[in-house]
Protein backbone atom coordinates (compact mmCIF):
# COMPACT_ATOMS: atom_id res chain seq x y z
CA MET A 1 -13.77 -17.73 -36.82
CA ALA A 2 -16.05 -20.76 -35.88
CA GLY A 3 -17.22 -19.93 -32.38
CA ILE A 4 -14.31 -21.09 -30.03
CA LEU A 5 -17.05 -21.91 -27.17
CA ALA A 6 -19.23 -23.63 -29.64
CA GLY A 7 -21.47 -26.22 -28.07
CA LEU A 8 -21.47 -24.52 -24.19
CA LYS A 9 -24.57 -23.68 -23.23
CA VAL A 10 -24.90 -20.26 -20.69
CA ILE A 11 -27.84 -19.29 -18.97
CA GLU A 12 -27.47 -15.42 -17.53
CA LEU A 13 -29.76 -13.97 -15.53
CA GLY A 14 -28.21 -10.10 -15.85
CA GLN A 15 -29.03 -7.08 -15.51
CA VAL A 16 -28.26 -4.01 -16.91
CA LEU A 17 -24.51 -4.35 -17.00
CA ALA A 18 -21.90 -6.62 -15.09
CA GLY A 19 -24.42 -9.65 -15.94
CA PRO A 20 -25.17 -9.37 -19.43
CA PHE A 21 -21.30 -8.35 -20.09
CA VAL A 22 -20.44 -11.84 -19.22
CA GLY A 23 -23.30 -13.17 -21.63
CA ALA A 24 -22.10 -11.18 -24.20
CA ILE A 25 -18.47 -12.31 -23.70
CA PHE A 26 -19.10 -15.84 -24.37
CA ALA A 27 -21.75 -15.52 -26.96
CA ASP A 28 -18.98 -13.76 -28.97
CA LEU A 29 -16.95 -16.64 -28.40
CA GLY A 30 -19.52 -18.92 -29.98
CA ALA A 31 -21.06 -20.23 -26.89
CA GLU A 32 -25.17 -20.41 -26.91
CA VAL A 33 -26.19 -17.94 -24.40
CA ILE A 34 -30.14 -18.02 -23.34
CA LYS A 35 -31.11 -14.70 -21.18
CA VAL A 36 -33.23 -15.62 -18.47
CA GLU A 37 -35.61 -12.01 -18.22
CA ARG A 38 -39.22 -11.29 -16.62
CA PRO A 39 -41.76 -11.57 -18.16
CA GLU A 40 -42.90 -7.73 -17.71
CA GLY A 41 -40.60 -5.72 -18.86
CA GLY A 42 -37.23 -7.94 -19.06
CA ASP A 43 -33.93 -6.55 -18.17
CA ASP A 44 -34.41 -2.83 -17.32
CA ALA A 45 -31.53 -1.69 -19.43
CA ARG A 46 -34.12 -2.07 -22.23
CA ARG A 47 -35.51 1.01 -21.15
CA MET A 48 -32.46 2.93 -19.95
CA GLY A 49 -32.55 5.60 -22.54
CA PRO A 50 -34.41 6.35 -25.21
CA ASP A 51 -35.34 3.67 -28.14
CA PHE A 52 -32.87 3.11 -29.99
CA ARG A 53 -34.10 -0.26 -32.62
CA HIS A 54 -37.02 -2.30 -32.08
CA GLY A 55 -38.34 -0.66 -28.79
CA ASP A 56 -34.70 -1.24 -26.61
CA ALA A 57 -32.23 1.42 -25.34
CA MET A 58 -28.43 1.59 -27.08
CA THR A 59 -27.25 0.00 -23.38
CA PHE A 60 -29.43 -3.07 -23.95
CA HIS A 61 -27.85 -3.51 -27.55
CA ILE A 62 -24.43 -3.43 -26.46
CA PHE A 63 -24.27 -6.24 -23.90
CA ASN A 64 -27.03 -8.53 -25.16
CA ARG A 65 -25.71 -9.32 -28.65
CA GLY A 66 -26.01 -12.61 -29.75
CA LYS A 67 -28.31 -13.78 -27.19
CA ALA A 68 -31.62 -15.52 -27.09
CA SER A 69 -34.42 -14.30 -24.26
CA ARG A 70 -36.50 -16.41 -22.27
CA ALA A 71 -39.23 -14.78 -20.23
CA ILE A 72 -39.67 -16.91 -17.00
CA ASP A 73 -41.40 -15.69 -13.82
CA LEU A 74 -38.82 -17.10 -11.40
CA GLN A 75 -41.24 -16.07 -8.35
CA SER A 76 -43.32 -18.76 -9.51
CA GLU A 77 -42.76 -22.55 -8.88
CA ALA A 78 -43.41 -23.61 -12.77
CA GLY A 79 -41.02 -20.60 -13.48
CA ARG A 80 -38.18 -22.23 -11.32
CA ALA A 81 -38.79 -25.42 -12.75
CA GLU A 82 -38.34 -24.14 -16.35
CA LEU A 83 -35.13 -22.51 -14.89
CA TYR A 84 -34.25 -26.15 -13.76
CA VAL A 85 -34.82 -27.53 -16.67
CA LEU A 86 -32.56 -25.53 -18.46
CA ALA A 87 -29.71 -25.39 -15.70
CA GLU A 88 -29.92 -29.20 -16.62
CA GLY A 89 -28.89 -29.07 -19.74
CA ALA A 90 -26.59 -26.04 -19.43
CA ASP A 91 -22.59 -25.65 -18.66
CA ILE A 92 -22.59 -22.02 -17.17
CA LEU A 93 -24.95 -20.04 -15.06
CA VAL A 94 -23.60 -16.78 -14.40
CA HIS A 95 -25.87 -13.42 -12.55
CA ASN A 96 -25.65 -10.71 -11.29
CA LEU A 97 -29.18 -10.55 -9.18
CA ARG A 98 -29.24 -8.19 -6.17
CA PRO A 99 -28.02 -10.13 -2.79
CA GLY A 100 -30.32 -12.06 -1.41
CA VAL A 101 -33.05 -12.67 -4.35
CA PRO A 102 -31.07 -15.48 -5.57
CA GLU A 103 -31.23 -17.83 -2.17
CA ALA A 104 -34.68 -16.61 -1.99
CA LEU A 105 -35.45 -17.99 -6.11
CA GLY A 106 -33.41 -20.96 -5.58
CA VAL A 107 -31.03 -20.43 -7.93
CA ASP A 108 -27.97 -19.43 -5.86
CA GLY A 109 -24.43 -21.64 -6.24
CA PRO A 110 -24.52 -23.94 -3.28
CA THR A 111 -28.56 -24.85 -4.42
CA LEU A 112 -27.93 -24.98 -8.17
CA CYS A 113 -24.31 -26.98 -7.50
CA ALA A 114 -25.87 -29.55 -5.28
CA LYS A 115 -28.54 -30.47 -8.15
CA PHE A 116 -26.22 -30.49 -11.12
CA PRO A 117 -22.26 -30.91 -10.13
CA ARG A 118 -21.32 -30.91 -13.28
CA LEU A 119 -22.50 -26.97 -13.85
CA ILE A 120 -20.60 -24.20 -13.42
CA HIS A 121 -22.29 -21.09 -11.30
CA GLY A 122 -21.05 -17.63 -11.64
CA ALA A 123 -22.06 -14.46 -9.16
CA ILE A 124 -21.67 -11.13 -8.95
CA SER A 125 -22.51 -9.07 -6.05
CA ALA A 126 -21.67 -5.07 -5.65
CA PHE A 127 -19.63 -5.41 -2.28
CA GLY A 128 -18.44 -8.98 -2.20
CA HIS A 129 -20.18 -12.54 -0.68
CA LEU A 130 -18.31 -11.66 2.93
CA GLY A 131 -18.68 -9.34 5.15
CA PRO A 132 -20.99 -6.81 7.05
CA MET A 133 -21.93 -5.40 3.64
CA ALA A 134 -22.67 -8.32 1.81
CA MET A 135 -26.40 -7.60 1.38
CA ARG A 136 -25.64 -4.32 0.24
CA PRO A 137 -26.74 -3.87 -3.47
CA GLY A 138 -24.72 -0.71 -5.35
CA PHE A 139 -24.07 0.53 -8.69
CA GLU A 140 -20.93 1.75 -10.59
CA PRO A 141 -20.28 5.28 -9.48
CA LEU A 142 -20.92 4.08 -5.64
CA LEU A 143 -18.29 1.60 -6.08
CA GLN A 144 -15.75 3.76 -7.45
CA GLY A 145 -16.49 6.07 -4.66
CA PHE A 146 -16.53 3.71 -1.78
CA SER A 147 -13.17 1.47 -2.63
CA GLY A 148 -11.07 4.93 -3.15
CA LEU A 149 -10.95 4.52 -7.04
CA SER A 150 -12.65 8.04 -7.60
CA SER A 151 -9.75 9.46 -5.25
CA LEU A 152 -7.04 8.34 -7.68
CA ASN A 153 -8.21 10.35 -10.49
CA GLY A 154 -7.50 14.21 -11.82
CA GLY A 155 -5.26 16.13 -10.76
CA GLU A 156 -3.66 17.68 -7.50
CA ASN A 157 -6.62 20.31 -6.73
CA ASP A 158 -9.48 18.14 -8.52
CA PRO A 159 -12.30 16.74 -6.47
CA PRO A 160 -12.56 12.73 -6.58
CA MET A 161 -14.01 11.77 -10.29
CA ARG A 162 -15.42 8.70 -11.38
CA SER A 163 -14.06 6.96 -14.29
CA ALA A 164 -16.15 7.61 -17.82
CA ALA A 165 -15.85 3.82 -18.49
CA SER A 166 -17.80 1.31 -16.25
CA VAL A 167 -14.40 -0.41 -15.04
CA CYS A 168 -15.95 -2.23 -12.21
CA ASP A 169 -19.03 -3.59 -13.64
CA GLN A 170 -16.75 -4.57 -16.77
CA GLY A 171 -14.18 -5.55 -15.17
CA THR A 172 -16.15 -8.21 -12.79
CA ALA A 173 -17.77 -9.45 -15.93
CA MET A 174 -14.26 -10.16 -17.20
CA TRP A 175 -13.13 -11.63 -13.72
CA ILE A 176 -16.12 -13.85 -13.64
CA ALA A 177 -15.41 -14.75 -17.41
CA ILE A 178 -11.73 -16.02 -16.25
CA GLY A 179 -13.05 -17.89 -13.78
CA VAL A 180 -15.78 -19.49 -15.21
CA LEU A 181 -13.28 -20.47 -17.70
CA ALA A 182 -11.04 -21.68 -15.37
CA LEU A 183 -13.64 -23.91 -13.93
CA LEU A 184 -14.24 -25.17 -17.17
CA HIS A 185 -10.70 -26.94 -17.12
CA ARG A 186 -11.12 -28.22 -13.95
CA ARG A 187 -14.26 -29.66 -14.62
CA ALA A 188 -12.10 -31.60 -18.04
CA GLN A 189 -10.53 -33.06 -15.57
CA THR A 190 -12.59 -33.97 -12.88
CA GLY A 191 -16.37 -33.67 -13.95
CA ARG A 192 -16.90 -31.28 -10.88
CA GLY A 193 -18.70 -27.84 -11.94
CA GLY A 194 -18.16 -25.53 -9.28
CA MET A 195 -18.84 -21.58 -8.09
CA VAL A 196 -17.14 -18.50 -8.84
CA GLN A 197 -17.58 -15.22 -6.92
CA GLY A 198 -16.79 -11.79 -7.57
CA SER A 199 -18.00 -8.48 -7.04
CA LEU A 200 -17.29 -4.53 -7.87
CA LEU A 201 -15.61 -3.92 -5.07
CA GLU A 202 -13.10 -6.62 -5.55
CA THR A 203 -12.55 -5.34 -9.34
CA ALA A 204 -11.84 -1.63 -7.95
CA LEU A 205 -9.46 -2.41 -5.22
CA MET A 206 -7.79 -4.36 -7.96
CA TRP A 207 -7.97 -1.66 -10.30
CA ALA A 208 -6.33 0.40 -7.00
CA GLY A 209 -3.85 -1.99 -6.36
CA GLN A 210 -0.55 -0.54 -7.45
CA LYS A 211 -1.49 2.69 -4.92
CA ALA A 212 -3.16 0.49 -2.46
CA ASP A 213 0.14 -1.96 -2.17
CA ALA A 214 2.33 1.29 -2.77
CA PHE A 215 0.49 2.72 0.74
CA VAL A 216 0.27 -0.37 2.90
CA ASN A 217 3.70 -1.01 2.20
CA THR A 218 5.57 2.42 2.31
CA GLY A 219 2.86 4.77 4.49
CA ALA A 220 3.07 6.98 1.21
CA LEU A 221 -0.19 8.36 -0.04
CA PRO A 222 -0.42 8.44 -4.04
CA GLU A 223 -0.35 11.71 -5.45
CA ARG A 224 -2.65 12.90 -8.20
CA HIS A 225 -1.20 14.26 -11.72
CA ARG A 226 -4.13 14.27 -13.98
CA SER A 227 -2.14 12.79 -17.27
CA GLY A 228 1.18 12.83 -15.37
CA HIS A 229 3.44 10.10 -13.61
CA PRO A 230 4.28 10.13 -10.08
CA VAL A 231 8.08 9.61 -10.21
CA LEU A 232 8.89 10.50 -14.29
CA THR A 233 9.17 13.58 -16.00
CA PRO A 234 8.81 14.56 -18.90
CA TYR A 235 5.59 12.31 -18.79
CA GLU A 236 2.13 13.87 -19.27
CA ALA A 237 -0.02 15.86 -21.28
CA PHE A 238 1.04 19.36 -22.76
CA GLU A 239 -0.29 21.94 -24.52
CA ALA A 240 0.84 22.52 -28.40
CA ALA A 241 -0.62 25.84 -29.99
CA ASP A 242 -3.64 23.81 -30.92
CA GLY A 243 -4.40 21.49 -28.99
CA PRO A 244 -2.77 18.91 -26.24
CA VAL A 245 -0.44 16.48 -26.95
CA LEU A 246 1.00 13.28 -24.81
CA ILE A 247 4.38 13.11 -24.36
CA CYS A 248 6.39 10.01 -22.39
CA ALA A 249 9.88 10.65 -21.67
CA GLY A 250 10.19 7.65 -19.81
CA ASN A 251 14.07 7.64 -19.26
CA ASP A 252 17.07 9.77 -19.59
CA ARG A 253 18.06 8.62 -23.22
CA LEU A 254 14.26 9.14 -24.47
CA PHE A 255 14.89 12.90 -22.60
CA ALA A 256 17.84 13.78 -24.58
CA LYS A 257 16.45 12.96 -27.95
CA LEU A 258 12.92 15.36 -26.59
CA ALA A 259 15.47 17.85 -26.01
CA GLU A 260 17.17 17.59 -29.32
CA ALA A 261 13.72 17.75 -31.32
CA CYS A 262 12.68 20.75 -29.29
CA GLY A 263 15.78 22.59 -30.84
CA HIS A 264 17.36 22.32 -26.91
CA ALA A 265 19.94 19.79 -26.50
CA GLU A 266 21.86 21.41 -24.19
CA TRP A 267 19.26 20.65 -21.37
CA ALA A 268 20.38 16.45 -21.88
CA ALA A 269 23.62 18.02 -20.51
CA ASP A 270 22.59 20.47 -17.58
CA THR A 271 22.96 19.05 -14.81
CA ARG A 272 19.17 19.94 -13.25
CA PHE A 273 17.91 17.99 -16.16
CA ALA A 274 20.10 15.45 -17.08
CA THR A 275 18.56 12.74 -14.91
CA ASN A 276 15.21 11.68 -14.17
CA ARG A 277 16.18 11.93 -10.17
CA ALA A 278 17.24 15.55 -11.05
CA ARG A 279 14.57 16.71 -13.50
CA LEU A 280 12.01 15.26 -10.63
CA VAL A 281 13.57 18.23 -8.22
CA ASN A 282 13.48 20.52 -10.59
CA LYS A 283 10.20 20.41 -12.45
CA ALA A 284 8.92 23.82 -12.36
CA ALA A 285 12.26 24.93 -13.72
CA LEU A 286 12.22 22.41 -16.46
CA PHE A 287 8.59 23.07 -17.65
CA ALA A 288 9.27 26.84 -17.76
CA GLU A 289 11.70 26.14 -20.56
CA LEU A 290 10.01 23.15 -22.39
CA CYS A 291 5.97 24.56 -22.28
CA PRO A 292 7.04 27.86 -24.18
CA VAL A 293 8.79 25.61 -26.83
CA LEU A 294 5.72 22.88 -27.26
CA ALA A 295 3.23 25.52 -27.19
CA SER A 296 4.91 27.38 -29.77
CA LYS A 297 3.91 24.65 -32.96
CA PRO A 298 0.61 22.54 -33.51
CA ARG A 299 0.13 19.11 -32.02
CA ALA A 300 1.25 17.25 -35.42
CA HIS A 301 4.52 19.15 -35.96
CA TRP A 302 5.45 17.88 -32.25
CA VAL A 303 3.59 14.32 -32.96
CA ALA A 304 5.83 13.88 -36.22
CA ALA A 305 8.88 15.61 -34.58
CA LEU A 306 8.98 12.81 -31.86
CA GLU A 307 7.91 10.28 -33.55
CA ARG A 308 11.05 10.85 -35.66
CA ALA A 309 12.97 11.15 -32.72
CA GLY A 310 11.92 8.03 -31.02
CA VAL A 311 9.97 9.70 -28.10
CA PRO A 312 6.82 7.87 -27.78
CA VAL A 313 4.01 10.57 -28.29
CA SER A 314 0.27 11.06 -29.38
CA PRO A 315 -2.15 13.39 -29.71
CA ILE A 316 -4.80 13.71 -26.56
CA ASN A 317 -7.72 12.57 -29.33
CA SER A 318 -11.54 13.02 -28.80
CA LEU A 319 -13.59 9.82 -29.36
CA PRO A 320 -14.50 11.01 -32.65
CA GLU A 321 -10.72 11.49 -33.84
CA ALA A 322 -9.53 8.32 -32.04
CA LEU A 323 -12.40 6.28 -34.09
CA ALA A 324 -11.12 8.40 -37.09
CA GLU A 325 -7.43 7.25 -36.69
CA PRO A 326 -5.89 4.16 -39.47
CA GLN A 327 -4.75 2.58 -36.59
CA VAL A 328 -7.91 2.13 -34.61
CA GLN A 329 -9.70 1.29 -38.29
CA ALA A 330 -6.85 -1.39 -38.95
CA LEU A 331 -7.99 -3.23 -36.09
CA GLY A 332 -11.60 -3.74 -36.82
CA MET A 333 -12.74 -3.43 -33.48
CA MET A 334 -16.23 -1.50 -35.07
CA GLN A 335 -18.45 -4.50 -36.25
CA PRO A 336 -21.68 -4.32 -38.30
CA VAL A 337 -24.46 -6.72 -36.40
CA PRO A 338 -25.85 -8.93 -38.79
CA GLY A 339 -29.26 -8.29 -39.86
CA GLU A 340 -29.18 -5.08 -38.40
CA ASP A 341 -28.23 -1.71 -39.67
CA TYR A 342 -25.67 -0.54 -36.89
CA VAL A 343 -22.52 -1.21 -35.29
CA LEU A 344 -20.66 -2.27 -32.12
CA THR A 345 -17.43 -2.41 -30.33
CA ALA A 346 -16.30 -5.96 -30.47
CA LEU A 347 -14.31 -8.15 -28.25
CA PRO A 348 -10.93 -6.91 -27.84
CA ILE A 349 -8.91 -9.95 -28.54
CA SER A 350 -7.80 -12.14 -31.60
CA VAL A 351 -7.82 -15.81 -31.65
CA ASP A 352 -5.30 -17.18 -34.36
CA GLY A 353 -5.51 -13.65 -35.84
CA GLU A 354 -8.87 -13.21 -35.98
CA ARG A 355 -11.60 -10.95 -33.63
CA PRO A 356 -14.21 -12.93 -32.87
CA ARG A 357 -17.18 -11.73 -34.42
CA ILE A 358 -20.40 -10.26 -33.52
CA ARG A 359 -22.73 -13.02 -34.47
CA SER A 360 -26.27 -11.07 -33.95
CA GLY A 361 -27.89 -8.03 -32.69
CA ALA A 362 -29.73 -8.60 -29.02
CA PRO A 363 -33.11 -10.57 -28.61
CA ARG A 364 -36.84 -9.26 -28.34
CA LEU A 365 -38.02 -9.80 -24.97
CA GLY A 366 -38.84 -14.05 -24.78
CA GLY A 367 -37.59 -14.63 -28.43
CA LYS A 368 -34.30 -15.48 -30.59
CA PRO A 369 -31.33 -13.01 -31.61
CA ASN A 370 -32.69 -10.51 -33.82
């Protein structure tokens, strides 16, 4: 597939994850992405872990594929002049520099957009561009904890847990990419660029929004159910004879099918279990009957039986098991990196039926893509 953003030039002043992921999204979609790095050492992600390839850590390769690198000392007048030359010919500049640094270097949105009116400037911070904490730096687990997001994970008696995925870093990168594309549309109409700002905190609050909205409007604190659901049952993980299986009987019709597949069609006629509201009240009694049945046979049996019955069901896979699933393999998410001997996860979208291809590996410091 030809790069749908071919012809766009992106300057990325990114460190570690959120900023570089914006650049990776645009690179996979065909834009020319120039990563500006410190001459001494470059992006800290190059050393975040053991050498994977070419002296750089795995994290760096994941989030910097498809880019070129320019080593520029932005502390120097000559370096800033060099960056301004790049910015003059660029469509987009994105960064996740520490608060206060962009202004000190003259690469903040108001400064660059005043110099280059067509430029679209994307800025990522930890706590947001407004408020008493705007100048604080922050990292993924801090923002998951601060935002209340960690308090939603796990079960009733578990401590707060962070998500294993960097949902705030990568989510903020996605929001910035969406905002930049929206400004590109406006620029096509007006000729004027502009600024888009996002933060890990705002992203975390958005991900927690369903629970937060319920609390603000009803006063109800969210209950924690691990894999379960606050208002549907049975709608969670159960132990089969050889491992966990997740069953989502999301309405009364599906519950009746589940009951029949379990050999207990009478459950659907039992007034304690016949409706979802009744099941919520009598959940303990239902599970006292359901759990021993599910534990009596392996999960492959239940997956096959419930799929035949039309009940949504899935094994709870390990990561290797998930990657081995025929459905996952059919989607072609894992792509070989041209010119390299490893594979990376591609973008989770298809355009005109085709997934954007990873075009090249990550660049050496100050160099072109490998």
